[in-house]
Every structure is written in C-alpha cells, then in structure tokens.
Amino acid sequence: MGSDPHGRFVQIYEHAYRPILGYVLRRCEDPDDAADVVAEVFVTAWRRIDEIPSGDEARLWLYGVARRTLANHRRGERRHEQRTAALREQLAVSPALSGSPPGEYTQLGQAFRMLGDDDKELLSLVAWEKLDTEQVARTLGITRNAVRVRLHRARKRFARALAASGIDLPLMERTAP
C-alpha cells in the first residue's frame, strides 16, 4: 500500500492507540491483560500493515482486531481456568500431598527447609527429578563443573543442617570407578 510501512504504522499507532486502549480497558477486568491485548492488536497491525485501510477506516479495522483479540483472550482465560480447576481436583486427591501438614514435618524435612533456595533446587533436581550432572547443568544454564561444585557444597550444608537437627546419617563410602 505504501513504500514506508514503518512510517505508516507510526501514524496509525499515534492516531489509534488511545481509542483502542480505551476500548480494551473497558472490556478487560485486569489492566495487565488489557496491556497484553493492546500489544497484540498492534503486533497484528504491524504484520498486516498492507491490509489496513487508509484514513479513519484504519481505526475501525483496529477495533475489529481488538474485538477478535479480546475474544481469543477470553477463550484462553476460560481454558486456563478449566485446566486449573482440573489440576486442583487432581491435587486434592494426590497421595503425594496427603501427608502431614507443614507444622508436622519430619526432622529431615525441617532440615531441608532450612537450606537456601538454590541448595534446595539443586538437591531436588538430583534427588527427586533424578537428573544427572549434565541435565542439571542444562536446566540451570551453568557448566557441569559448576554443578559439581555447587552440588558438593549443597550436600555439605544439608549434612550440617541434618546434624544440627540431631539426625546422624552414616556417610556413604566412595568407591573409585
């Protein structure tokens, strides 16, 4: 339609941003959701810049895009709410969550909770998720060597926390490969 799509987009954006924002804000409960919808409207406008009519028809075209984007957003919210409700139902009957309430954690659990978040994450990836050093490195975006060093330190801190809690676990003897 024109030889300067960037300039045309800027012109359309400057002319239509406030009306489109107002339209979306009046239809969204959450301002953050409204910001996402408006951003998506203008992403669509950029991608389809050659399809946007000229003059005030551009604003009307954008209202149509905003209406469809809002409808997609609402459908996505409903799907999210349905999945969340289904997950809550599954978790309510999950044997993994039917244990003691937080006030009654075992000494081992209390010692684990005393660790820093990084130590807990690292130890959990190894113990619960059964990831090896390479997999942990890729998950955390660090080198295998850094994983080895951090894991060694985390294990030492956990052993100290266990000892402080009165738990005496025999050390596993290392055998050479």
C-alpha atoms as a PDB file:
ATOM      1  CA  MET A   1       0.000   0.000   0.000  1.00  0.00           C
ATOM      2  CA  GLY A   2       2.853   2.358   0.723  1.00  0.00           C
ATOM      3  CA  SER A   3       6.596   2.462   0.369  1.00  0.00           C
ATOM      4  CA  ASP A   4       7.148   3.328   4.054  1.00  0.00           C
ATOM      5  CA  PRO A   5       5.440   0.688   6.210  1.00  0.00           C
ATOM      6  CA  HIS A   6       7.225   1.903   9.352  1.00  0.00           C
ATOM      7  CA  GLY A   7       6.060   5.476   8.889  1.00  0.00           C
ATOM      8  CA  ARG A   8       2.520   4.316   8.147  1.00  0.00           C
ATOM      9  CA  PHE A   9       2.474   2.132  11.239  1.00  0.00           C
ATOM     10  CA  VAL A  10       3.687   5.002  13.440  1.00  0.00           C
ATOM     11  CA  GLN A  11       0.971   7.242  12.012  1.00  0.00           C
ATOM     12  CA  ILE A  12      -1.737   4.620  12.619  1.00  0.00           C
ATOM     13  CA  TYR A  13      -0.413   3.895  16.109  1.00  0.00           C
ATOM     14  CA  GLU A  14      -0.337   7.571  17.113  1.00  0.00           C
ATOM     15  CA  HIS A  15      -3.869   8.104  15.780  1.00  0.00           C
ATOM     16  CA  ALA A  16      -5.466   4.937  17.165  1.00  0.00           C
ATOM     17  CA  TYR A  17      -3.570   3.923  20.304  1.00  0.00           C
ATOM     18  CA  ARG A  18      -5.698   5.839  22.841  1.00  0.00           C
ATOM     19  CA  PRO A  19      -9.077   4.845  21.374  1.00  0.00           C
ATOM     20  CA  ILE A  20      -8.020   1.186  21.133  1.00  0.00           C
ATOM     21  CA  LEU A  21      -6.626   1.255  24.670  1.00  0.00           C
ATOM     22  CA  GLY A  22      -9.877   2.730  25.990  1.00  0.00           C
ATOM     23  CA  TYR A  23     -11.921   0.146  24.094  1.00  0.00           C
ATOM     24  CA  VAL A  24      -9.881  -2.717  25.549  1.00  0.00           C
ATOM     25  CA  LEU A  25      -9.706  -1.298  29.098  1.00  0.00           C
ATOM     26  CA  ARG A  26     -13.490  -1.083  29.211  1.00  0.00           C
ATOM     27  CA  ARG A  27     -13.695  -4.782  28.354  1.00  0.00           C
ATOM     28  CA  CYS A  28     -10.878  -6.228  30.497  1.00  0.00           C
ATOM     29  CA  GLU A  29     -11.010  -6.649  34.252  1.00  0.00           C
ATOM     30  CA  ASP A  30      -7.241  -6.572  34.643  1.00  0.00           C
ATOM     31  CA  PRO A  31      -5.171  -3.649  33.268  1.00  0.00           C
ATOM     32  CA  ASP A  32      -2.247  -6.032  32.672  1.00  0.00           C
ATOM     33  CA  ASP A  33      -4.474  -8.184  30.472  1.00  0.00           C
ATOM     34  CA  ALA A  34      -5.607  -5.044  28.651  1.00  0.00           C
ATOM     35  CA  ALA A  35      -1.987  -4.085  28.001  1.00  0.00           C
ATOM     36  CA  ASP A  36      -1.318  -7.555  26.571  1.00  0.00           C
ATOM     37  CA  VAL A  37      -4.377  -7.343  24.309  1.00  0.00           C
ATOM     38  CA  VAL A  38      -3.457  -3.867  23.041  1.00  0.00           C
ATOM     39  CA  ALA A  39       0.093  -5.029  22.355  1.00  0.00           C
ATOM     40  CA  GLU A  40      -1.256  -7.999  20.389  1.00  0.00           C
ATOM     41  CA  VAL A  41      -3.560  -5.686  18.398  1.00  0.00           C
ATOM     42  CA  PHE A  42      -0.614  -3.574  17.301  1.00  0.00           C
ATOM     43  CA  VAL A  43       1.564  -6.615  16.590  1.00  0.00           C
ATOM     44  CA  THR A  44      -1.200  -7.770  14.273  1.00  0.00           C
ATOM     45  CA  ALA A  45      -1.349  -4.299  12.731  1.00  0.00           C
ATOM     46  CA  TRP A  46       2.384  -4.366  12.071  1.00  0.00           C
ATOM     47  CA  ARG A  47       2.236  -7.820  10.488  1.00  0.00           C
ATOM     48  CA  ARG A  48      -0.726  -6.866   8.327  1.00  0.00           C
ATOM     49  CA  ILE A  49       0.201  -3.226   7.651  1.00  0.00           C
ATOM     50  CA  ASP A  50      -0.560  -3.569   3.934  1.00  0.00           C
ATOM     51  CA  GLU A  51      -4.098  -4.779   4.689  1.00  0.00           C
ATOM     52  CA  ILE A  52      -5.043  -1.840   6.909  1.00  0.00           C
ATOM     53  CA  PRO A  53      -7.422   0.570   5.167  1.00  0.00           C
ATOM     54  CA  SER A  54      -6.485   4.230   4.951  1.00  0.00           C
ATOM     55  CA  GLY A  55      -7.871   7.155   6.902  1.00  0.00           C
ATOM     56  CA  ASP A  56     -10.262   6.675   9.791  1.00  0.00           C
ATOM     57  CA  GLU A  57     -11.082   3.194   8.446  1.00  0.00           C
ATOM     58  CA  ALA A  58      -7.754   2.105   9.977  1.00  0.00           C
ATOM     59  CA  ARG A  59      -9.084   2.790  13.474  1.00  0.00           C
ATOM     60  CA  LEU A  60     -12.257   0.836  12.716  1.00  0.00           C
ATOM     61  CA  TRP A  61     -10.162  -2.027  11.364  1.00  0.00           C
ATOM     62  CA  LEU A  62      -8.173  -1.991  14.606  1.00  0.00           C
ATOM     63  CA  TYR A  63     -11.407  -2.134  16.640  1.00  0.00           C
ATOM     64  CA  GLY A  64     -12.238  -5.329  14.763  1.00  0.00           C
ATOM     65  CA  VAL A  65      -8.794  -6.743  15.523  1.00  0.00           C
ATOM     66  CA  ALA A  66      -9.191  -5.726  19.174  1.00  0.00           C
ATOM     67  CA  ARG A  67     -12.596  -7.411  19.371  1.00  0.00           C
ATOM     68  CA  ARG A  68     -11.208 -10.683  17.987  1.00  0.00           C
ATOM     69  CA  THR A  69      -8.107 -10.457  20.176  1.00  0.00           C
ATOM     70  CA  LEU A  70     -10.294  -9.945  23.258  1.00  0.00           C
ATOM     71  CA  ALA A  71     -12.394 -12.965  22.282  1.00  0.00           C
ATOM     72  CA  ASN A  72      -9.224 -15.073  21.948  1.00  0.00           C
ATOM     73  CA  HIS A  73      -8.005 -13.750  25.283  1.00  0.00           C
ATOM     74  CA  ARG A  74     -11.284 -14.686  26.998  1.00  0.00           C
ATOM     75  CA  ARG A  75     -11.213 -18.177  25.467  1.00  0.00           C
ATOM     76  CA  GLY A  76      -7.658 -18.591  26.713  1.00  0.00           C
ATOM     77  CA  GLU A  77      -8.665 -17.467  30.198  1.00  0.00           C
ATOM     78  CA  ARG A  78     -11.549 -19.959  30.264  1.00  0.00           C
ATOM     79  CA  ARG A  79      -9.240 -22.795  29.147  1.00  0.00           C
ATOM     80  CA  HIS A  80      -6.733 -21.786  31.803  1.00  0.00           C
ATOM     81  CA  GLU A  81      -9.448 -21.728  34.489  1.00  0.00           C
ATOM     82  CA  GLN A  82     -10.685 -25.163  33.397  1.00  0.00           C
ATOM     83  CA  ARG A  83      -7.176 -26.644  33.471  1.00  0.00           C
ATOM     84  CA  THR A  84      -6.507 -25.041  36.842  1.00  0.00           C
ATOM     85  CA  ALA A  85      -9.748 -26.436  38.278  1.00  0.00           C
ATOM     86  CA  ALA A  86      -8.900 -29.903  36.947  1.00  0.00           C
ATOM     87  CA  LEU A  87      -5.396 -29.669  38.434  1.00  0.00           C
ATOM     88  CA  ARG A  88      -6.801 -28.588  41.800  1.00  0.00           C
ATOM     89  CA  GLU A  89      -9.089 -31.636  41.779  1.00  0.00           C
ATOM     90  CA  GLN A  90      -6.154 -33.927  40.971  1.00  0.00           C
ATOM     91  CA  LEU A  91      -4.011 -32.371  43.670  1.00  0.00           C
ATOM     92  CA  ALA A  92      -6.791 -32.656  46.247  1.00  0.00           C
ATOM     93  CA  VAL A  93      -6.713 -36.449  45.954  1.00  0.00           C
ATOM     94  CA  SER A  94      -2.983 -36.804  45.300  1.00  0.00           C
ATOM     95  CA  PRO A  95      -1.234 -39.217  47.665  1.00  0.00           C
ATOM     96  CA  ALA A  96       1.870 -37.030  47.392  1.00  0.00           C
ATOM     97  CA  LEU A  97       0.019 -34.213  49.142  1.00  0.00           C
ATOM     98  CA  SER A  98      -1.882 -36.226  51.698  1.00  0.00           C
ATOM     99  CA  GLY A  99       0.990 -36.287  54.185  1.00  0.00           C
ATOM    100  CA  SER A 100       1.459 -34.310  57.354  1.00  0.00           C
ATOM    101  CA  PRO A 101       0.660 -30.606  57.422  1.00  0.00           C
ATOM    102  CA  PRO A 102       3.655 -28.216  57.323  1.00  0.00           C
ATOM    103  CA  GLY A 103       3.761 -27.850  61.111  1.00  0.00           C
ATOM    104  CA  GLU A 104       4.461 -31.566  61.455  1.00  0.00           C
ATOM    105  CA  TYR A 105       7.350 -32.001  59.033  1.00  0.00           C
ATOM    106  CA  THR A 106       9.879 -34.629  59.898  1.00  0.00           C
ATOM    107  CA  GLN A 107      13.260 -33.573  61.194  1.00  0.00           C
ATOM    108  CA  LEU A 108      14.660 -34.381  57.767  1.00  0.00           C
ATOM    109  CA  GLY A 109      12.095 -32.138  56.079  1.00  0.00           C
ATOM    110  CA  GLN A 110      12.761 -29.350  58.551  1.00  0.00           C
ATOM    111  CA  ALA A 111      16.497 -29.578  57.887  1.00  0.00           C
ATOM    112  CA  PHE A 112      15.877 -29.456  54.145  1.00  0.00           C
ATOM    113  CA  ARG A 113      13.659 -26.376  54.512  1.00  0.00           C
ATOM    114  CA  MET A 114      16.452 -24.600  56.400  1.00  0.00           C
ATOM    115  CA  LEU A 115      18.593 -24.632  53.241  1.00  0.00           C
ATOM    116  CA  GLY A 116      18.733 -21.730  50.840  1.00  0.00           C
ATOM    117  CA  ASP A 117      16.529 -21.809  47.733  1.00  0.00           C
ATOM    118  CA  ASP A 118      19.454 -22.537  45.404  1.00  0.00           C
ATOM    119  CA  ASP A 119      20.579 -25.516  47.500  1.00  0.00           C
ATOM    120  CA  LYS A 120      17.025 -26.873  47.732  1.00  0.00           C
ATOM    121  CA  GLU A 121      16.540 -26.550  43.964  1.00  0.00           C
ATOM    122  CA  LEU A 122      19.836 -28.241  43.161  1.00  0.00           C
ATOM    123  CA  LEU A 123      19.321 -31.111  45.605  1.00  0.00           C
ATOM    124  CA  SER A 124      15.725 -31.544  44.445  1.00  0.00           C
ATOM    125  CA  LEU A 125      16.734 -31.767  40.790  1.00  0.00           C
ATOM    126  CA  VAL A 126      19.149 -34.557  41.661  1.00  0.00           C
ATOM    127  CA  ALA A 127      17.120 -36.454  44.259  1.00  0.00           C
ATOM    128  CA  TRP A 128      13.517 -36.032  43.159  1.00  0.00           C
ATOM    129  CA  GLU A 129      13.790 -35.362  39.436  1.00  0.00           C
ATOM    130  CA  LYS A 130      16.647 -37.875  39.050  1.00  0.00           C
ATOM    131  CA  LEU A 131      18.667 -35.559  36.800  1.00  0.00           C
ATOM    132  CA  ASP A 132      22.339 -36.236  36.215  1.00  0.00           C
ATOM    133  CA  THR A 133      25.040 -33.558  36.268  1.00  0.00           C
ATOM    134  CA  GLU A 134      24.723 -32.807  32.551  1.00  0.00           C
ATOM    135  CA  GLN A 135      20.940 -32.490  32.768  1.00  0.00           C
ATOM    136  CA  VAL A 136      21.142 -30.234  35.822  1.00  0.00           C
ATOM    137  CA  ALA A 137      23.705 -28.070  34.026  1.00  0.00           C
ATOM    138  CA  ARG A 138      21.398 -27.669  31.022  1.00  0.00           C
ATOM    139  CA  THR A 139      18.379 -26.997  33.255  1.00  0.00           C
ATOM    140  CA  LEU A 140      20.159 -24.310  35.260  1.00  0.00           C
ATOM    141  CA  GLY A 141      22.155 -22.905  32.355  1.00  0.00           C
ATOM    142  CA  ILE A 142      25.518 -23.460  34.029  1.00  0.00           C
ATOM    143  CA  THR A 143      28.514 -25.694  33.371  1.00  0.00           C
ATOM    144  CA  ARG A 144      28.781 -29.290  34.589  1.00  0.00           C
ATOM    145  CA  ASN A 145      31.768 -28.277  36.682  1.00  0.00           C
ATOM    146  CA  ALA A 146      29.724 -25.532  38.359  1.00  0.00           C
ATOM    147  CA  VAL A 147      27.007 -28.113  39.072  1.00  0.00           C
ATOM    148  CA  ARG A 148      29.540 -30.459  40.664  1.00  0.00           C
ATOM    149  CA  VAL A 149      30.964 -27.696  42.880  1.00  0.00           C
ATOM    150  CA  ARG A 150      27.556 -26.340  43.884  1.00  0.00           C
ATOM    151  CA  LEU A 151      26.162 -29.823  44.490  1.00  0.00           C
ATOM    152  CA  HIS A 152      29.136 -30.702  46.702  1.00  0.00           C
ATOM    153  CA  ARG A 153      28.633 -27.519  48.740  1.00  0.00           C
ATOM    154  CA  ALA A 154      24.852 -28.013  48.939  1.00  0.00           C
ATOM    155  CA  ARG A 155      25.309 -31.558  50.194  1.00  0.00           C
ATOM    156  CA  LYS A 156      27.746 -30.354  52.857  1.00  0.00           C
ATOM    157  CA  ARG A 157      25.302 -27.648  54.005  1.00  0.00           C
ATOM    158  CA  PHE A 158      22.490 -30.214  54.079  1.00  0.00           C
ATOM    159  CA  ALA A 159      24.645 -32.609  56.124  1.00  0.00           C
ATOM    160  CA  ARG A 160      25.357 -29.782  58.599  1.00  0.00           C
ATOM    161  CA  ALA A 161      21.625 -28.946  58.792  1.00  0.00           C
ATOM    162  CA  LEU A 162      20.851 -32.614  59.409  1.00  0.00           C
ATOM    163  CA  ALA A 163      23.458 -32.813  62.154  1.00  0.00           C
ATOM    164  CA  ALA A 164      22.086 -29.626  63.728  1.00  0.00           C
ATOM    165  CA  SER A 165      18.647 -31.267  63.726  1.00  0.00           C
ATOM    166  CA  GLY A 166      20.039 -34.287  65.560  1.00  0.00           C
ATOM    167  CA  ILE A 167      19.977 -36.596  62.544  1.00  0.00           C
ATOM    168  CA  ASP A 168      23.076 -38.738  62.252  1.00  0.00           C
ATOM    169  CA  LEU A 169      23.256 -40.378  58.834  1.00  0.00           C
ATOM    170  CA  PRO A 170      26.200 -42.642  58.062  1.00  0.00           C
ATOM    171  CA  LEU A 171      28.332 -41.300  55.258  1.00  0.00           C
ATOM    172  CA  MET A 172      28.342 -43.384  52.146  1.00  0.00           C
ATOM    173  CA  GLU A 173      31.794 -44.594  51.313  1.00  0.00           C
ATOM    174  CA  ARG A 174      33.080 -43.505  47.972  1.00  0.00           C
ATOM    175  CA  THR A 175      34.456 -46.149  45.717  1.00  0.00           C
ATOM    176  CA  ALA A 176      36.685 -45.435  42.808  1.00  0.00           C
ATOM    177  CA  PRO A 177      35.070 -46.123  39.449  1.00  0.00           C
END
